[in-house]
Amino acid sequence: MTELRIHPLPLVKIKTVKGIMTYLLNIAEPLECYEYIWYIEGLKARILVDAGGPAETFTRRGFPARNIASPAEALKKVGLSPEEIDLVICTHLHYDHIEFGYMYKNAKFVVQRAELEAALDPHPIQKASYIPKEMLKGLNFEVVEGDSQIVKGVKVLFTPGHTLGGQSVMVHTPKGEVIISGLCTIRDNFEPPEPVRHLMPVITPGHHLDASEAFTSLKRIKKEADIVIPLHDAEFALRDAIL
């Protein structure tokens, strides 16, 4: 098979606290993390994981942030424009993962049915995390339910807990299975630091709907992946490609 590479393309740098990522651990410790879009190179279809969103929405929600690149600027690094993307796999539909969706004018957006339904009619506690439903209705969604093969070499895993319909993206590579976590995470979520390392194999994301379900989803990702990509970790901001 053609060797696949995953390109992390940072759009926004965010200042927050670690507790937003690691439930009840290091709650007030300052944290810098990133919003990425991820391009999977080596496939016939041009596939992106997540669409991204602007720093201004983070700032309005109380998380100071600054723009690093627009989707068009970021995709230039891999020789593409937003209009050339065929598929956008949506890990979930929070604003930082879909607000720029309108820029990918020719793309289908792969989303779990449960996630789309939640985004179109969000519970009040989740409403601030989603964009107005009018912005979603203009997108061409391809709805899946549960684990699904998207193309040869790429599948989605149903990993709820952060949201009702979250999904992670598994990419089959010569170096093993690479999973882009669909839950908002950093490396600590999958490799817990002391003093909790001996107590639990993963740490639930600080932002979740169901702490136990999110924990189970992270355990599944860690078990099935040879390489885990936490969705917001700063370690990828300066890397050209993973693998």
C-alpha atoms as a PDB file:
ATOM      1  CA  MET A   1       0.000   0.000   0.000  1.00  0.00           C
ATOM      2  CA  THR A   2       1.007   3.606  -0.470  1.00  0.00           C
ATOM      3  CA  GLU A   3       2.801   4.870   2.600  1.00  0.00           C
ATOM      4  CA  LEU A   4       0.578   7.268   4.512  1.00  0.00           C
ATOM      5  CA  ARG A   5       1.721  10.356   6.387  1.00  0.00           C
ATOM      6  CA  ILE A   6      -0.251  12.587   8.725  1.00  0.00           C
ATOM      7  CA  HIS A   7       0.477  16.301   8.633  1.00  0.00           C
ATOM      8  CA  PRO A   8      -0.442  18.364  11.719  1.00  0.00           C
ATOM      9  CA  LEU A   9      -1.450  21.838  10.536  1.00  0.00           C
ATOM     10  CA  PRO A  10      -1.835  24.237  13.492  1.00  0.00           C
ATOM     11  CA  LEU A  11      -4.386  27.033  13.127  1.00  0.00           C
ATOM     12  CA  VAL A  12      -4.713  28.480  16.644  1.00  0.00           C
ATOM     13  CA  LYS A  13      -2.589  28.699  19.793  1.00  0.00           C
ATOM     14  CA  ILE A  14      -4.639  28.636  22.999  1.00  0.00           C
ATOM     15  CA  LYS A  15      -3.843  29.682  26.559  1.00  0.00           C
ATOM     16  CA  THR A  16      -5.808  27.778  29.154  1.00  0.00           C
ATOM     17  CA  VAL A  17      -5.283  25.620  32.241  1.00  0.00           C
ATOM     18  CA  LYS A  18      -4.464  21.946  32.331  1.00  0.00           C
ATOM     19  CA  GLY A  19      -7.709  21.116  34.126  1.00  0.00           C
ATOM     20  CA  ILE A  20      -9.639  21.694  30.885  1.00  0.00           C
ATOM     21  CA  MET A  21      -7.808  18.607  29.565  1.00  0.00           C
ATOM     22  CA  THR A  22      -7.100  16.486  32.651  1.00  0.00           C
ATOM     23  CA  TYR A  23     -10.085  15.907  34.897  1.00  0.00           C
ATOM     24  CA  LEU A  24      -9.427  16.893  38.530  1.00  0.00           C
ATOM     25  CA  LEU A  25      -5.651  16.892  38.001  1.00  0.00           C
ATOM     26  CA  ASN A  26      -3.366  19.956  37.947  1.00  0.00           C
ATOM     27  CA  ILE A  27      -6.496  22.029  37.538  1.00  0.00           C
ATOM     28  CA  ALA A  28      -4.901  25.498  37.686  1.00  0.00           C
ATOM     29  CA  GLU A  29      -1.570  24.713  36.002  1.00  0.00           C
ATOM     30  CA  PRO A  30      -1.112  26.976  32.941  1.00  0.00           C
ATOM     31  CA  LEU A  31      -1.287  25.185  29.598  1.00  0.00           C
ATOM     32  CA  GLU A  32      -0.579  26.198  26.022  1.00  0.00           C
ATOM     33  CA  CYS A  33      -2.175  23.941  23.465  1.00  0.00           C
ATOM     34  CA  TYR A  34      -3.161  24.086  19.817  1.00  0.00           C
ATOM     35  CA  GLU A  35      -6.065  23.659  17.477  1.00  0.00           C
ATOM     36  CA  TYR A  36      -5.052  21.613  14.436  1.00  0.00           C
ATOM     37  CA  ILE A  37      -6.398  20.312  11.211  1.00  0.00           C
ATOM     38  CA  TRP A  38      -4.766  17.042  10.113  1.00  0.00           C
ATOM     39  CA  TYR A  39      -4.062  16.113   6.485  1.00  0.00           C
ATOM     40  CA  ILE A  40      -3.681  12.440   5.597  1.00  0.00           C
ATOM     41  CA  GLU A  41      -1.245  12.181   2.689  1.00  0.00           C
ATOM     42  CA  GLY A  42      -0.952   9.156   0.413  1.00  0.00           C
ATOM     43  CA  LEU A  43      -4.599   8.453  -0.420  1.00  0.00           C
ATOM     44  CA  LYS A  44      -6.494   8.930  -3.648  1.00  0.00           C
ATOM     45  CA  ALA A  45      -9.058  11.023  -1.782  1.00  0.00           C
ATOM     46  CA  ARG A  46      -7.808  14.204  -0.142  1.00  0.00           C
ATOM     47  CA  ILE A  47      -8.835  13.708   3.477  1.00  0.00           C
ATOM     48  CA  LEU A  48      -8.647  16.169   6.330  1.00  0.00           C
ATOM     49  CA  VAL A  49      -9.447  15.472   9.961  1.00  0.00           C
ATOM     50  CA  ASP A  50     -11.408  18.416  11.378  1.00  0.00           C
ATOM     51  CA  ALA A  51     -12.110  21.765   9.763  1.00  0.00           C
ATOM     52  CA  GLY A  52     -10.856  24.148  12.444  1.00  0.00           C
ATOM     53  CA  GLY A  53     -12.188  27.446  13.723  1.00  0.00           C
ATOM     54  CA  PRO A  54     -10.967  30.982  14.506  1.00  0.00           C
ATOM     55  CA  ALA A  55      -9.180  32.174  17.642  1.00  0.00           C
ATOM     56  CA  GLU A  56     -11.850  34.815  18.178  1.00  0.00           C
ATOM     57  CA  THR A  57     -14.405  32.174  19.194  1.00  0.00           C
ATOM     58  CA  PHE A  58     -12.044  30.769  21.813  1.00  0.00           C
ATOM     59  CA  THR A  59     -11.485  34.254  23.199  1.00  0.00           C
ATOM     60  CA  ARG A  60     -15.213  34.978  23.369  1.00  0.00           C
ATOM     61  CA  ARG A  61     -15.631  31.739  25.335  1.00  0.00           C
ATOM     62  CA  GLY A  62     -12.993  32.816  27.866  1.00  0.00           C
ATOM     63  CA  PHE A  63      -9.899  31.093  26.444  1.00  0.00           C
ATOM     64  CA  PRO A  64      -7.324  33.642  25.182  1.00  0.00           C
ATOM     65  CA  ALA A  65      -6.068  32.521  21.791  1.00  0.00           C
ATOM     66  CA  ARG A  66      -4.332  33.784  18.693  1.00  0.00           C
ATOM     67  CA  ASN A  67      -4.549  32.764  15.060  1.00  0.00           C
ATOM     68  CA  ILE A  68      -1.474  31.103  13.561  1.00  0.00           C
ATOM     69  CA  ALA A  69      -2.809  30.368  10.094  1.00  0.00           C
ATOM     70  CA  SER A  70      -6.022  30.224   8.140  1.00  0.00           C
ATOM     71  CA  PRO A  71      -6.987  26.865   6.608  1.00  0.00           C
ATOM     72  CA  ALA A  72      -5.827  28.161   3.222  1.00  0.00           C
ATOM     73  CA  GLU A  73      -2.437  29.180   4.618  1.00  0.00           C
ATOM     74  CA  ALA A  74      -2.022  25.925   6.524  1.00  0.00           C
ATOM     75  CA  LEU A  75      -2.943  23.725   3.569  1.00  0.00           C
ATOM     76  CA  LYS A  76      -0.362  25.463   1.364  1.00  0.00           C
ATOM     77  CA  LYS A  77       2.233  23.484   3.346  1.00  0.00           C
ATOM     78  CA  VAL A  78       0.918  20.307   1.705  1.00  0.00           C
ATOM     79  CA  GLY A  79       0.272  21.918  -1.687  1.00  0.00           C
ATOM     80  CA  LEU A  80      -3.506  22.138  -1.389  1.00  0.00           C
ATOM     81  CA  SER A  81      -6.337  24.622  -0.995  1.00  0.00           C
ATOM     82  CA  PRO A  82      -9.534  24.153   1.043  1.00  0.00           C
ATOM     83  CA  GLU A  83     -11.518  23.755  -2.200  1.00  0.00           C
ATOM     84  CA  GLU A  84      -9.432  20.685  -3.105  1.00  0.00           C
ATOM     85  CA  ILE A  85     -10.351  18.700   0.010  1.00  0.00           C
ATOM     86  CA  ASP A  86     -12.685  15.770  -0.739  1.00  0.00           C
ATOM     87  CA  LEU A  87     -13.534  14.609   2.795  1.00  0.00           C
ATOM     88  CA  VAL A  88     -13.386  16.222   6.204  1.00  0.00           C
ATOM     89  CA  ILE A  89     -13.692  13.678   8.999  1.00  0.00           C
ATOM     90  CA  CYS A  90     -15.220  15.504  11.976  1.00  0.00           C
ATOM     91  CA  THR A  91     -14.005  14.172  15.307  1.00  0.00           C
ATOM     92  CA  HIS A  92     -16.920  16.131  16.784  1.00  0.00           C
ATOM     93  CA  LEU A  93     -18.757  19.372  16.060  1.00  0.00           C
ATOM     94  CA  HIS A  94     -17.552  21.794  18.718  1.00  0.00           C
ATOM     95  CA  TYR A  95     -16.786  25.207  17.257  1.00  0.00           C
ATOM     96  CA  ASP A  96     -13.014  24.716  17.074  1.00  0.00           C
ATOM     97  CA  HIS A  97     -13.452  21.628  14.916  1.00  0.00           C
ATOM     98  CA  ILE A  98     -16.112  22.791  12.418  1.00  0.00           C
ATOM     99  CA  GLU A  99     -16.576  26.576  12.336  1.00  0.00           C
ATOM    100  CA  PHE A 100     -14.341  26.876   9.244  1.00  0.00           C
ATOM    101  CA  GLY A 101     -16.356  24.154   7.500  1.00  0.00           C
ATOM    102  CA  TYR A 102     -17.795  26.598   4.960  1.00  0.00           C
ATOM    103  CA  MET A 103     -14.323  27.029   3.436  1.00  0.00           C
ATOM    104  CA  TYR A 104     -14.202  23.423   2.163  1.00  0.00           C
ATOM    105  CA  LYS A 105     -16.730  24.034  -0.573  1.00  0.00           C
ATOM    106  CA  ASN A 106     -16.388  20.675  -2.334  1.00  0.00           C
ATOM    107  CA  ALA A 107     -15.991  18.413   0.674  1.00  0.00           C
ATOM    108  CA  LYS A 108     -18.249  15.896   2.334  1.00  0.00           C
ATOM    109  CA  PHE A 109     -18.170  15.997   6.126  1.00  0.00           C
ATOM    110  CA  VAL A 110     -18.113  12.594   7.811  1.00  0.00           C
ATOM    111  CA  VAL A 111     -19.878  12.740  11.169  1.00  0.00           C
ATOM    112  CA  GLN A 112     -21.567  10.387  13.613  1.00  0.00           C
ATOM    113  CA  ARG A 113     -25.350  10.595  13.572  1.00  0.00           C
ATOM    114  CA  ALA A 114     -25.468  11.131  17.334  1.00  0.00           C
ATOM    115  CA  GLU A 115     -23.060  14.053  17.055  1.00  0.00           C
ATOM    116  CA  LEU A 116     -24.942  15.810  14.274  1.00  0.00           C
ATOM    117  CA  GLU A 117     -28.222  15.452  16.127  1.00  0.00           C
ATOM    118  CA  ALA A 118     -26.643  16.851  19.303  1.00  0.00           C
ATOM    119  CA  ALA A 119     -25.130  19.797  17.445  1.00  0.00           C
ATOM    120  CA  LEU A 120     -28.404  20.701  15.739  1.00  0.00           C
ATOM    121  CA  ASP A 121     -30.290  20.670  19.050  1.00  0.00           C
ATOM    122  CA  PRO A 122     -27.719  20.988  21.833  1.00  0.00           C
ATOM    123  CA  HIS A 123     -28.483  20.640  25.503  1.00  0.00           C
ATOM    124  CA  PRO A 124     -28.147  24.025  27.264  1.00  0.00           C
ATOM    125  CA  ILE A 125     -24.919  22.939  28.995  1.00  0.00           C
ATOM    126  CA  GLN A 126     -23.369  22.260  25.581  1.00  0.00           C
ATOM    127  CA  LYS A 127     -24.837  25.129  23.584  1.00  0.00           C
ATOM    128  CA  ALA A 128     -21.799  27.412  23.977  1.00  0.00           C
ATOM    129  CA  SER A 129     -19.572  24.711  22.497  1.00  0.00           C
ATOM    130  CA  TYR A 130     -21.528  24.391  19.250  1.00  0.00           C
ATOM    131  CA  ILE A 131     -22.025  26.845  16.399  1.00  0.00           C
ATOM    132  CA  PRO A 132     -25.471  28.030  15.228  1.00  0.00           C
ATOM    133  CA  LYS A 133     -27.299  25.252  13.427  1.00  0.00           C
ATOM    134  CA  GLU A 134     -27.728  27.485  10.365  1.00  0.00           C
ATOM    135  CA  MET A 135     -23.960  27.239   9.822  1.00  0.00           C
ATOM    136  CA  LEU A 136     -24.142  23.448   9.889  1.00  0.00           C
ATOM    137  CA  LYS A 137     -27.076  23.106   7.528  1.00  0.00           C
ATOM    138  CA  GLY A 138     -25.022  24.463   4.638  1.00  0.00           C
ATOM    139  CA  LEU A 139     -22.526  21.597   4.867  1.00  0.00           C
ATOM    140  CA  ASN A 140     -22.683  18.315   2.959  1.00  0.00           C
ATOM    141  CA  PHE A 141     -22.706  15.723   5.732  1.00  0.00           C
ATOM    142  CA  GLU A 142     -22.084  12.011   5.254  1.00  0.00           C
ATOM    143  CA  VAL A 143     -23.605  10.406   8.331  1.00  0.00           C
ATOM    144  CA  VAL A 144     -22.188   7.218   9.864  1.00  0.00           C
ATOM    145  CA  GLU A 145     -23.164   5.239  12.939  1.00  0.00           C
ATOM    146  CA  GLY A 146     -20.529   3.536  15.030  1.00  0.00           C
ATOM    147  CA  ASP A 147     -17.207   2.215  13.753  1.00  0.00           C
ATOM    148  CA  SER A 148     -17.038   2.716   9.987  1.00  0.00           C
ATOM    149  CA  GLN A 149     -14.563   2.198   7.175  1.00  0.00           C
ATOM    150  CA  ILE A 150     -14.163   5.497   5.320  1.00  0.00           C
ATOM    151  CA  VAL A 151     -11.640   4.509   2.643  1.00  0.00           C
ATOM    152  CA  LYS A 152      -9.059   1.742   2.470  1.00  0.00           C
ATOM    153  CA  GLY A 153      -6.589   2.440   5.237  1.00  0.00           C
ATOM    154  CA  VAL A 154      -8.783   4.905   7.163  1.00  0.00           C
ATOM    155  CA  LYS A 155     -11.638   4.125   9.534  1.00  0.00           C
ATOM    156  CA  VAL A 156     -13.459   5.909  12.319  1.00  0.00           C
ATOM    157  CA  LEU A 157     -13.991   4.534  15.808  1.00  0.00           C
ATOM    158  CA  PHE A 158     -17.003   5.596  17.848  1.00  0.00           C
ATOM    159  CA  THR A 159     -15.469   7.160  20.964  1.00  0.00           C
ATOM    160  CA  PRO A 160     -18.111   9.136  22.883  1.00  0.00           C
ATOM    161  CA  GLY A 161     -17.795  10.767  26.279  1.00  0.00           C
ATOM    162  CA  HIS A 162     -16.359  14.160  25.410  1.00  0.00           C
ATOM    163  CA  THR A 163     -19.467  14.600  23.275  1.00  0.00           C
ATOM    164  CA  LEU A 164     -22.422  12.327  22.528  1.00  0.00           C
ATOM    165  CA  GLY A 165     -21.141  11.343  19.107  1.00  0.00           C
ATOM    166  CA  GLY A 166     -17.388  11.719  19.143  1.00  0.00           C
ATOM    167  CA  GLN A 167     -15.257   9.639  16.813  1.00  0.00           C
ATOM    168  CA  SER A 168     -11.543   8.991  16.485  1.00  0.00           C
ATOM    169  CA  VAL A 169      -9.664   8.376  13.252  1.00  0.00           C
ATOM    170  CA  MET A 170      -7.565   5.247  12.754  1.00  0.00           C
ATOM    171  CA  VAL A 171      -4.990   5.326   9.949  1.00  0.00           C
ATOM    172  CA  HIS A 172      -3.346   2.055   8.911  1.00  0.00           C
ATOM    173  CA  THR A 173       0.335   2.664   8.215  1.00  0.00           C
ATOM    174  CA  PRO A 174       3.466   0.519   7.718  1.00  0.00           C
ATOM    175  CA  LYS A 175       4.440   1.509  11.275  1.00  0.00           C
ATOM    176  CA  GLY A 176       1.146   0.344  12.727  1.00  0.00           C
ATOM    177  CA  GLU A 177      -2.222   1.786  13.603  1.00  0.00           C
ATOM    178  CA  VAL A 178      -2.189   5.517  14.231  1.00  0.00           C
ATOM    179  CA  ILE A 179      -5.228   6.948  16.019  1.00  0.00           C
ATOM    180  CA  ILE A 180      -6.073  10.641  16.115  1.00  0.00           C
ATOM    181  CA  SER A 181      -8.018  11.000  19.342  1.00  0.00           C
ATOM    182  CA  GLY A 182     -11.513  12.347  18.833  1.00  0.00           C
ATOM    183  CA  LEU A 183     -11.651  13.540  22.423  1.00  0.00           C
ATOM    184  CA  CYS A 184      -9.944  16.834  23.274  1.00  0.00           C
ATOM    185  CA  THR A 185      -6.745  15.594  24.882  1.00  0.00           C
ATOM    186  CA  ILE A 186      -3.052  16.168  25.489  1.00  0.00           C
ATOM    187  CA  ARG A 187      -0.319  13.571  26.060  1.00  0.00           C
ATOM    188  CA  ASP A 188      -1.033  13.442  29.804  1.00  0.00           C
ATOM    189  CA  ASN A 189      -4.457  11.933  29.095  1.00  0.00           C
ATOM    190  CA  PHE A 190      -2.813   8.842  27.599  1.00  0.00           C
ATOM    191  CA  GLU A 191       0.378   8.811  29.674  1.00  0.00           C
ATOM    192  CA  PRO A 192      -0.717   9.931  33.145  1.00  0.00           C
ATOM    193  CA  PRO A 193       1.970  11.670  35.197  1.00  0.00           C
ATOM    194  CA  GLU A 194       2.709  10.945  38.817  1.00  0.00           C
ATOM    195  CA  PRO A 195       1.068  10.749  41.285  1.00  0.00           C
ATOM    196  CA  VAL A 196      -1.818   9.062  39.430  1.00  0.00           C
ATOM    197  CA  ARG A 197       0.081   6.884  36.948  1.00  0.00           C
ATOM    198  CA  HIS A 198      -0.224   3.818  39.160  1.00  0.00           C
ATOM    199  CA  LEU A 199      -3.945   4.465  39.759  1.00  0.00           C
ATOM    200  CA  MET A 200      -5.312   4.755  36.235  1.00  0.00           C
ATOM    201  CA  PRO A 201      -4.150   3.974  32.678  1.00  0.00           C
ATOM    202  CA  VAL A 202      -5.685   7.156  31.190  1.00  0.00           C
ATOM    203  CA  ILE A 203      -7.132  10.431  32.473  1.00  0.00           C
ATOM    204  CA  THR A 204     -10.625  11.530  31.466  1.00  0.00           C
ATOM    205  CA  PRO A 205     -10.670  14.854  29.576  1.00  0.00           C
ATOM    206  CA  GLY A 206     -11.596  17.776  31.800  1.00  0.00           C
ATOM    207  CA  HIS A 207     -14.304  18.787  29.319  1.00  0.00           C
ATOM    208  CA  HIS A 208     -16.736  15.893  28.993  1.00  0.00           C
ATOM    209  CA  LEU A 209     -20.389  14.911  29.079  1.00  0.00           C
ATOM    210  CA  ASP A 210     -19.826  11.498  30.652  1.00  0.00           C
ATOM    211  CA  ALA A 211     -16.587  11.023  32.592  1.00  0.00           C
ATOM    212  CA  SER A 212     -16.795   7.223  32.699  1.00  0.00           C
ATOM    213  CA  GLU A 213     -17.665   6.906  29.013  1.00  0.00           C
ATOM    214  CA  ALA A 214     -14.806   9.237  28.067  1.00  0.00           C
ATOM    215  CA  PHE A 215     -12.439   7.158  30.207  1.00  0.00           C
ATOM    216  CA  THR A 216     -13.555   3.999  28.407  1.00  0.00           C
ATOM    217  CA  SER A 217     -13.068   5.649  25.004  1.00  0.00           C
ATOM    218  CA  LEU A 218      -9.521   6.715  25.896  1.00  0.00           C
ATOM    219  CA  LYS A 219      -8.699   3.196  27.106  1.00  0.00           C
ATOM    220  CA  ARG A 220      -9.941   1.809  23.801  1.00  0.00           C
ATOM    221  CA  ILE A 221      -7.816   4.257  21.801  1.00  0.00           C
ATOM    222  CA  LYS A 222      -4.723   3.439  23.847  1.00  0.00           C
ATOM    223  CA  LYS A 223      -5.296  -0.307  23.477  1.00  0.00           C
ATOM    224  CA  GLU A 224      -5.923  -0.305  19.723  1.00  0.00           C
ATOM    225  CA  ALA A 225      -3.284   2.232  18.677  1.00  0.00           C
ATOM    226  CA  ASP A 226       0.398   1.712  18.071  1.00  0.00           C
ATOM    227  CA  ILE A 227       0.743   5.503  17.930  1.00  0.00           C
ATOM    228  CA  VAL A 228      -1.714   7.879  19.645  1.00  0.00           C
ATOM    229  CA  ILE A 229      -2.149  11.480  18.531  1.00  0.00           C
ATOM    230  CA  PRO A 230      -3.777  13.565  21.299  1.00  0.00           C
ATOM    231  CA  LEU A 231      -5.948  16.108  19.530  1.00  0.00           C
ATOM    232  CA  HIS A 232      -4.589  19.322  21.094  1.00  0.00           C
ATOM    233  CA  ASP A 233      -1.074  18.548  22.322  1.00  0.00           C
ATOM    234  CA  ALA A 234       1.588  21.202  21.675  1.00  0.00           C
ATOM    235  CA  GLU A 235       4.153  18.557  20.687  1.00  0.00           C
ATOM    236  CA  PHE A 236       2.929  18.583  17.076  1.00  0.00           C
ATOM    237  CA  ALA A 237       2.989  22.340  16.465  1.00  0.00           C
ATOM    238  CA  LEU A 238       6.466  22.369  14.913  1.00  0.00           C
ATOM    239  CA  ARG A 239       6.374  18.976  13.219  1.00  0.00           C
ATOM    240  CA  ASP A 240       5.974  18.689   9.467  1.00  0.00           C
ATOM    241  CA  ALA A 241       4.585  15.173   9.566  1.00  0.00           C
ATOM    242  CA  ILE A 242       3.917  12.221  11.836  1.00  0.00           C
ATOM    243  CA  LEU A 243       5.583   9.016  10.548  1.00  0.00           C
END
